[in-house]
Amino acid sequence: MKIISKFMRILAVFCLLGSMANALEEGKEYQILQKPLDVPKNSVVKVFSYECPHCYKFDKTVTPKLFSELDGVKFIPYHLKTKGKLGETASKIFAAMIALDEANDVSLLSEKSKFKKAKFAVYNAVHDKNDDFKDGKDKVRFIKTAISAAGVSEADYDKALASPRAQEILKTWDESYDVAKVQGVPAYVVSGKYLLNAQALGSIDAMAAAVKELSAR
């Protein structure tokens, strides 16, 4: 019995050391935002810009895989309107599409999402086709590119954009600049408070583990 008891004590020490080794370090794997975002605790905000090539890459690879490992964690996109000559127009498009998705109870990560379809249409045009929409002056074609991919008419887009929900989203997104100026975009924020350092974490599995740990605090 003494041998078993001693073994259990040793095992407990190793478990403790293991948990300490795996613990996240503030300033390394994450930072605490000075101005927290007003979002639910069990959520991850992704701050992004249509003009950011890394945001495009992360949306194709990291974001869907990350959330496949995060059961019950809410995905909340924040578009940064201050980056890109069409940043403000892009924000209006995305906010309107999100309002439509929410009204139809469609997940923003779903292939059926109007937000996702519009976002990737813009990504594709800007990054794959190198379309600058006449140096940002062709807003009409930019809007049409996005909403056509989402299957939304101009009239329905205008109506969605004017809705209280879309306007609320746009107002909320003004906070995205305070996050982006810390370490750029894409930026992932857990529970509105903890800004992940994706580079330091190094993998999607590590990011998922960090989200789970920080969400539990």
C-alpha atoms as a PDB file:
ATOM      1  CA  MET A   1       0.000   0.000   0.000  1.00  0.00           C
ATOM      2  CA  LYS A   2       2.927   2.321   0.820  1.00  0.00           C
ATOM      3  CA  ILE A   3       4.434   1.643  -2.621  1.00  0.00           C
ATOM      4  CA  ILE A   4       1.127   2.450  -4.345  1.00  0.00           C
ATOM      5  CA  SER A   5       0.721   5.601  -2.254  1.00  0.00           C
ATOM      6  CA  LYS A   6       4.257   6.741  -3.120  1.00  0.00           C
ATOM      7  CA  PHE A   7       3.644   6.013  -6.811  1.00  0.00           C
ATOM      8  CA  MET A   8       0.443   8.070  -6.769  1.00  0.00           C
ATOM      9  CA  ARG A   9       2.285  11.014  -5.184  1.00  0.00           C
ATOM     10  CA  ILE A  10       4.994  10.841  -7.854  1.00  0.00           C
ATOM     11  CA  LEU A  11       2.358  10.635 -10.581  1.00  0.00           C
ATOM     12  CA  ALA A  12       0.572  13.675  -9.147  1.00  0.00           C
ATOM     13  CA  VAL A  13       3.831  15.647  -9.216  1.00  0.00           C
ATOM     14  CA  PHE A  14       4.439  14.728 -12.854  1.00  0.00           C
ATOM     15  CA  CYS A  15       0.876  15.719 -13.767  1.00  0.00           C
ATOM     16  CA  LEU A  16       1.347  19.044 -11.991  1.00  0.00           C
ATOM     17  CA  LEU A  17       4.642  19.694 -13.774  1.00  0.00           C
ATOM     18  CA  GLY A  18       3.040  18.751 -17.081  1.00  0.00           C
ATOM     19  CA  SER A  19       0.173  21.147 -16.568  1.00  0.00           C
ATOM     20  CA  MET A  20       2.592  23.909 -15.609  1.00  0.00           C
ATOM     21  CA  ALA A  21       4.659  23.254 -18.738  1.00  0.00           C
ATOM     22  CA  ASN A  22       1.567  23.496 -20.903  1.00  0.00           C
ATOM     23  CA  ALA A  23       0.220  26.633 -19.236  1.00  0.00           C
ATOM     24  CA  LEU A  24      -0.032  29.700 -21.438  1.00  0.00           C
ATOM     25  CA  GLU A  25       2.261  32.607 -20.772  1.00  0.00           C
ATOM     26  CA  GLU A  26       0.946  36.161 -20.996  1.00  0.00           C
ATOM     27  CA  GLY A  27       3.086  38.222 -23.347  1.00  0.00           C
ATOM     28  CA  LYS A  28       4.122  35.116 -25.243  1.00  0.00           C
ATOM     29  CA  GLU A  29       1.141  33.058 -26.438  1.00  0.00           C
ATOM     30  CA  TYR A  30      -1.409  35.780 -25.710  1.00  0.00           C
ATOM     31  CA  GLN A  31      -1.897  39.375 -24.607  1.00  0.00           C
ATOM     32  CA  ILE A  32      -4.655  40.935 -22.533  1.00  0.00           C
ATOM     33  CA  LEU A  33      -6.389  43.757 -24.355  1.00  0.00           C
ATOM     34  CA  GLN A  34      -6.484  47.072 -22.542  1.00  0.00           C
ATOM     35  CA  LYS A  35      -9.905  47.711 -24.100  1.00  0.00           C
ATOM     36  CA  PRO A  36     -11.877  44.436 -24.079  1.00  0.00           C
ATOM     37  CA  LEU A  37     -14.452  43.795 -26.789  1.00  0.00           C
ATOM     38  CA  ASP A  38     -18.105  43.619 -25.792  1.00  0.00           C
ATOM     39  CA  VAL A  39     -18.742  40.018 -26.866  1.00  0.00           C
ATOM     40  CA  PRO A  40     -19.847  36.796 -25.124  1.00  0.00           C
ATOM     41  CA  LYS A  41     -17.280  34.997 -22.985  1.00  0.00           C
ATOM     42  CA  ASN A  42     -17.318  31.735 -24.955  1.00  0.00           C
ATOM     43  CA  SER A  43     -16.390  33.295 -28.299  1.00  0.00           C
ATOM     44  CA  VAL A  44     -13.529  34.010 -30.668  1.00  0.00           C
ATOM     45  CA  VAL A  45     -13.462  37.260 -32.615  1.00  0.00           C
ATOM     46  CA  LYS A  46     -11.472  37.261 -35.831  1.00  0.00           C
ATOM     47  CA  VAL A  47     -10.417  40.753 -36.905  1.00  0.00           C
ATOM     48  CA  PHE A  48      -9.662  40.779 -40.624  1.00  0.00           C
ATOM     49  CA  SER A  49      -9.365  42.943 -43.717  1.00  0.00           C
ATOM     50  CA  TYR A  50     -10.445  42.076 -47.259  1.00  0.00           C
ATOM     51  CA  GLU A  51      -7.101  43.486 -48.463  1.00  0.00           C
ATOM     52  CA  CYS A  52      -4.929  41.390 -46.144  1.00  0.00           C
ATOM     53  CA  PRO A  53      -3.446  38.325 -47.914  1.00  0.00           C
ATOM     54  CA  HIS A  54      -2.780  36.601 -44.586  1.00  0.00           C
ATOM     55  CA  CYS A  55      -6.435  37.059 -43.614  1.00  0.00           C
ATOM     56  CA  TYR A  56      -7.404  35.309 -46.853  1.00  0.00           C
ATOM     57  CA  LYS A  57      -4.969  32.466 -46.192  1.00  0.00           C
ATOM     58  CA  PHE A  58      -6.153  32.036 -42.606  1.00  0.00           C
ATOM     59  CA  ASP A  59      -9.818  32.060 -43.669  1.00  0.00           C
ATOM     60  CA  LYS A  60      -9.113  29.286 -46.160  1.00  0.00           C
ATOM     61  CA  THR A  61      -7.097  27.079 -43.831  1.00  0.00           C
ATOM     62  CA  VAL A  62      -6.922  28.069 -40.172  1.00  0.00           C
ATOM     63  CA  THR A  63     -10.369  29.421 -39.264  1.00  0.00           C
ATOM     64  CA  PRO A  64     -12.510  26.464 -40.439  1.00  0.00           C
ATOM     65  CA  LYS A  65     -10.145  23.894 -38.916  1.00  0.00           C
ATOM     66  CA  LEU A  66      -9.857  25.847 -35.674  1.00  0.00           C
ATOM     67  CA  PHE A  67     -13.607  26.022 -35.138  1.00  0.00           C
ATOM     68  CA  SER A  68     -14.030  22.352 -36.029  1.00  0.00           C
ATOM     69  CA  GLU A  69     -12.106  21.732 -32.778  1.00  0.00           C
ATOM     70  CA  LEU A  70     -14.098  24.261 -30.736  1.00  0.00           C
ATOM     71  CA  ASP A  71     -17.511  22.847 -29.967  1.00  0.00           C
ATOM     72  CA  GLY A  72     -19.917  25.514 -28.756  1.00  0.00           C
ATOM     73  CA  VAL A  73     -17.528  28.440 -29.238  1.00  0.00           C
ATOM     74  CA  LYS A  74     -19.093  31.323 -31.160  1.00  0.00           C
ATOM     75  CA  PHE A  75     -17.292  32.713 -34.222  1.00  0.00           C
ATOM     76  CA  ILE A  76     -17.578  36.508 -34.489  1.00  0.00           C
ATOM     77  CA  PRO A  77     -15.962  38.287 -37.463  1.00  0.00           C
ATOM     78  CA  TYR A  78     -14.883  41.919 -37.184  1.00  0.00           C
ATOM     79  CA  HIS A  79     -13.935  43.647 -40.441  1.00  0.00           C
ATOM     80  CA  LEU A  80     -11.316  46.407 -40.316  1.00  0.00           C
ATOM     81  CA  LYS A  81     -12.644  49.312 -42.368  1.00  0.00           C
ATOM     82  CA  THR A  82      -9.472  51.402 -42.058  1.00  0.00           C
ATOM     83  CA  LYS A  83      -7.357  49.098 -44.240  1.00  0.00           C
ATOM     84  CA  GLY A  84      -7.741  49.258 -48.038  1.00  0.00           C
ATOM     85  CA  LYS A  85      -9.323  51.908 -50.247  1.00  0.00           C
ATOM     86  CA  LEU A  86     -12.582  49.954 -50.212  1.00  0.00           C
ATOM     87  CA  GLY A  87     -12.415  49.012 -46.551  1.00  0.00           C
ATOM     88  CA  GLU A  88     -15.503  50.942 -45.506  1.00  0.00           C
ATOM     89  CA  THR A  89     -17.493  49.604 -48.464  1.00  0.00           C
ATOM     90  CA  ALA A  90     -16.390  46.060 -47.646  1.00  0.00           C
ATOM     91  CA  SER A  91     -17.526  46.509 -44.041  1.00  0.00           C
ATOM     92  CA  LYS A  92     -20.969  47.585 -45.215  1.00  0.00           C
ATOM     93  CA  ILE A  93     -21.238  44.558 -47.502  1.00  0.00           C
ATOM     94  CA  PHE A  94     -20.149  42.097 -44.820  1.00  0.00           C
ATOM     95  CA  ALA A  95     -22.384  43.610 -42.136  1.00  0.00           C
ATOM     96  CA  ALA A  96     -25.396  43.402 -44.444  1.00  0.00           C
ATOM     97  CA  MET A  97     -24.624  39.775 -45.323  1.00  0.00           C
ATOM     98  CA  ILE A  98     -24.234  38.838 -41.660  1.00  0.00           C
ATOM     99  CA  ALA A  99     -27.588  40.453 -40.891  1.00  0.00           C
ATOM    100  CA  LEU A 100     -29.171  38.310 -43.611  1.00  0.00           C
ATOM    101  CA  ASP A 101     -27.463  35.142 -42.369  1.00  0.00           C
ATOM    102  CA  GLU A 102     -28.606  35.766 -38.817  1.00  0.00           C
ATOM    103  CA  ALA A 103     -32.172  36.391 -39.996  1.00  0.00           C
ATOM    104  CA  ASN A 104     -32.064  33.047 -41.820  1.00  0.00           C
ATOM    105  CA  ASP A 105     -30.341  31.244 -38.909  1.00  0.00           C
ATOM    106  CA  VAL A 106     -27.314  30.352 -41.050  1.00  0.00           C
ATOM    107  CA  SER A 107     -23.892  29.859 -39.453  1.00  0.00           C
ATOM    108  CA  LEU A 108     -21.252  32.286 -40.698  1.00  0.00           C
ATOM    109  CA  LEU A 109     -18.926  29.300 -41.121  1.00  0.00           C
ATOM    110  CA  SER A 110     -21.407  27.407 -43.305  1.00  0.00           C
ATOM    111  CA  GLU A 111     -20.948  27.057 -47.048  1.00  0.00           C
ATOM    112  CA  LYS A 112     -24.487  28.480 -47.295  1.00  0.00           C
ATOM    113  CA  SER A 113     -23.480  31.687 -45.530  1.00  0.00           C
ATOM    114  CA  LYS A 114     -24.012  34.814 -47.625  1.00  0.00           C
ATOM    115  CA  PHE A 115     -21.300  36.509 -45.595  1.00  0.00           C
ATOM    116  CA  LYS A 116     -18.833  33.748 -46.418  1.00  0.00           C
ATOM    117  CA  LYS A 117     -19.727  33.737 -50.115  1.00  0.00           C
ATOM    118  CA  ALA A 118     -19.385  37.516 -50.382  1.00  0.00           C
ATOM    119  CA  LYS A 119     -16.136  37.531 -48.419  1.00  0.00           C
ATOM    120  CA  PHE A 120     -14.479  34.892 -50.579  1.00  0.00           C
ATOM    121  CA  ALA A 121     -15.680  36.544 -53.782  1.00  0.00           C
ATOM    122  CA  VAL A 122     -13.893  39.713 -52.670  1.00  0.00           C
ATOM    123  CA  TYR A 123     -10.812  37.804 -51.526  1.00  0.00           C
ATOM    124  CA  ASN A 124     -10.655  35.978 -54.853  1.00  0.00           C
ATOM    125  CA  ALA A 125     -11.012  39.137 -56.922  1.00  0.00           C
ATOM    126  CA  VAL A 126      -8.406  41.095 -54.967  1.00  0.00           C
ATOM    127  CA  HIS A 127      -5.801  38.423 -54.231  1.00  0.00           C
ATOM    128  CA  ASP A 128      -6.189  35.809 -56.958  1.00  0.00           C
ATOM    129  CA  LYS A 129      -7.158  38.055 -59.858  1.00  0.00           C
ATOM    130  CA  ASN A 130      -5.294  41.175 -58.677  1.00  0.00           C
ATOM    131  CA  ASP A 131      -8.368  43.315 -59.337  1.00  0.00           C
ATOM    132  CA  ASP A 132      -7.991  46.724 -57.678  1.00  0.00           C
ATOM    133  CA  PHE A 133     -11.417  47.900 -58.854  1.00  0.00           C
ATOM    134  CA  LYS A 134      -9.926  50.910 -60.639  1.00  0.00           C
ATOM    135  CA  ASP A 135      -7.741  51.773 -57.673  1.00  0.00           C
ATOM    136  CA  GLY A 136     -10.724  51.596 -55.349  1.00  0.00           C
ATOM    137  CA  LYS A 137     -12.890  53.949 -57.380  1.00  0.00           C
ATOM    138  CA  ASP A 138     -15.279  51.336 -58.799  1.00  0.00           C
ATOM    139  CA  LYS A 139     -17.431  50.749 -55.733  1.00  0.00           C
ATOM    140  CA  VAL A 140     -20.416  49.674 -57.816  1.00  0.00           C
ATOM    141  CA  ARG A 141     -18.581  46.713 -59.360  1.00  0.00           C
ATOM    142  CA  PHE A 142     -16.980  45.862 -56.017  1.00  0.00           C
ATOM    143  CA  ILE A 143     -20.396  45.629 -54.375  1.00  0.00           C
ATOM    144  CA  LYS A 144     -21.833  43.686 -57.288  1.00  0.00           C
ATOM    145  CA  THR A 145     -18.963  41.186 -57.181  1.00  0.00           C
ATOM    146  CA  ALA A 146     -19.695  40.433 -53.538  1.00  0.00           C
ATOM    147  CA  ILE A 147     -23.484  40.381 -53.446  1.00  0.00           C
ATOM    148  CA  SER A 148     -23.822  38.475 -56.732  1.00  0.00           C
ATOM    149  CA  ALA A 149     -21.700  35.674 -55.289  1.00  0.00           C
ATOM    150  CA  ALA A 150     -23.972  35.680 -52.238  1.00  0.00           C
ATOM    151  CA  GLY A 151     -27.106  35.547 -54.382  1.00  0.00           C
ATOM    152  CA  VAL A 152     -28.403  38.865 -53.074  1.00  0.00           C
ATOM    153  CA  SER A 153     -30.079  41.529 -55.210  1.00  0.00           C
ATOM    154  CA  GLU A 154     -29.133  45.193 -54.955  1.00  0.00           C
ATOM    155  CA  ALA A 155     -32.522  45.985 -53.450  1.00  0.00           C
ATOM    156  CA  ASP A 156     -32.168  43.299 -50.795  1.00  0.00           C
ATOM    157  CA  TYR A 157     -28.616  44.438 -50.073  1.00  0.00           C
ATOM    158  CA  ASP A 158     -29.723  48.035 -49.571  1.00  0.00           C
ATOM    159  CA  LYS A 159     -32.540  46.883 -47.298  1.00  0.00           C
ATOM    160  CA  ALA A 160     -30.219  44.664 -45.251  1.00  0.00           C
ATOM    161  CA  LEU A 161     -27.607  47.409 -44.939  1.00  0.00           C
ATOM    162  CA  ALA A 162     -30.228  49.853 -43.645  1.00  0.00           C
ATOM    163  CA  SER A 163     -31.445  47.370 -41.034  1.00  0.00           C
ATOM    164  CA  PRO A 164     -30.816  48.100 -37.336  1.00  0.00           C
ATOM    165  CA  ARG A 165     -28.794  44.885 -37.039  1.00  0.00           C
ATOM    166  CA  ALA A 166     -26.349  45.777 -39.831  1.00  0.00           C
ATOM    167  CA  GLN A 167     -25.911  49.265 -38.404  1.00  0.00           C
ATOM    168  CA  GLU A 168     -25.278  47.784 -34.960  1.00  0.00           C
ATOM    169  CA  ILE A 169     -22.599  45.490 -36.422  1.00  0.00           C
ATOM    170  CA  LEU A 170     -20.878  48.386 -38.184  1.00  0.00           C
ATOM    171  CA  LYS A 171     -20.793  50.391 -34.977  1.00  0.00           C
ATOM    172  CA  THR A 172     -19.337  47.432 -33.090  1.00  0.00           C
ATOM    173  CA  TRP A 173     -16.633  46.970 -35.729  1.00  0.00           C
ATOM    174  CA  ASP A 174     -15.210  50.399 -34.943  1.00  0.00           C
ATOM    175  CA  GLU A 175     -13.455  48.591 -32.080  1.00  0.00           C
ATOM    176  CA  SER A 176     -11.465  46.468 -34.527  1.00  0.00           C
ATOM    177  CA  TYR A 177      -8.819  49.155 -35.048  1.00  0.00           C
ATOM    178  CA  ASP A 178      -7.810  49.025 -31.370  1.00  0.00           C
ATOM    179  CA  VAL A 179      -7.162  45.293 -31.750  1.00  0.00           C
ATOM    180  CA  ALA A 180      -5.421  45.493 -35.128  1.00  0.00           C
ATOM    181  CA  LYS A 181      -2.944  48.137 -33.991  1.00  0.00           C
ATOM    182  CA  VAL A 182      -1.560  45.752 -31.346  1.00  0.00           C
ATOM    183  CA  GLN A 183      -0.152  43.141 -33.743  1.00  0.00           C
ATOM    184  CA  GLY A 184      -1.905  43.574 -37.077  1.00  0.00           C
ATOM    185  CA  VAL A 185      -4.392  41.269 -38.779  1.00  0.00           C
ATOM    186  CA  PRO A 186      -5.591  38.584 -38.791  1.00  0.00           C
ATOM    187  CA  ALA A 187      -6.164  38.780 -35.052  1.00  0.00           C
ATOM    188  CA  TYR A 188      -7.995  36.220 -32.922  1.00  0.00           C
ATOM    189  CA  VAL A 189      -9.478  37.401 -29.618  1.00  0.00           C
ATOM    190  CA  VAL A 190     -10.835  34.964 -27.030  1.00  0.00           C
ATOM    191  CA  SER A 191     -13.785  36.063 -24.869  1.00  0.00           C
ATOM    192  CA  GLY A 192     -13.240  39.645 -26.013  1.00  0.00           C
ATOM    193  CA  LYS A 193     -10.158  39.905 -23.786  1.00  0.00           C
ATOM    194  CA  TYR A 194      -7.304  37.624 -24.792  1.00  0.00           C
ATOM    195  CA  LEU A 195      -5.454  38.326 -28.056  1.00  0.00           C
ATOM    196  CA  LEU A 196      -3.762  35.172 -29.331  1.00  0.00           C
ATOM    197  CA  ASN A 197      -0.256  35.162 -30.769  1.00  0.00           C
ATOM    198  CA  ALA A 198      -0.837  32.636 -33.550  1.00  0.00           C
ATOM    199  CA  GLN A 199       2.826  32.640 -34.536  1.00  0.00           C
ATOM    200  CA  ALA A 200       3.985  31.735 -31.035  1.00  0.00           C
ATOM    201  CA  LEU A 201       1.320  29.035 -30.698  1.00  0.00           C
ATOM    202  CA  GLY A 202       2.497  27.555 -33.978  1.00  0.00           C
ATOM    203  CA  SER A 203      -0.364  25.207 -34.886  1.00  0.00           C
ATOM    204  CA  ILE A 204      -4.130  24.985 -35.121  1.00  0.00           C
ATOM    205  CA  ASP A 205      -4.208  22.378 -32.341  1.00  0.00           C
ATOM    206  CA  ALA A 206      -2.242  24.716 -30.083  1.00  0.00           C
ATOM    207  CA  MET A 207      -4.577  27.596 -30.936  1.00  0.00           C
ATOM    208  CA  ALA A 208      -7.601  25.451 -30.121  1.00  0.00           C
ATOM    209  CA  ALA A 209      -6.070  24.402 -26.803  1.00  0.00           C
ATOM    210  CA  ALA A 210      -5.325  28.051 -25.999  1.00  0.00           C
ATOM    211  CA  VAL A 211      -8.913  29.066 -26.780  1.00  0.00           C
ATOM    212  CA  LYS A 212     -10.239  26.360 -24.482  1.00  0.00           C
ATOM    213  CA  GLU A 213      -7.883  27.321 -21.652  1.00  0.00           C
ATOM    214  CA  LEU A 214      -8.552  31.049 -21.919  1.00  0.00           C
ATOM    215  CA  SER A 215     -12.319  30.554 -22.285  1.00  0.00           C
ATOM    216  CA  ALA A 216     -12.353  28.686 -18.988  1.00  0.00           C
ATOM    217  CA  ARG A 217     -10.839  31.605 -17.062  1.00  0.00           C
END
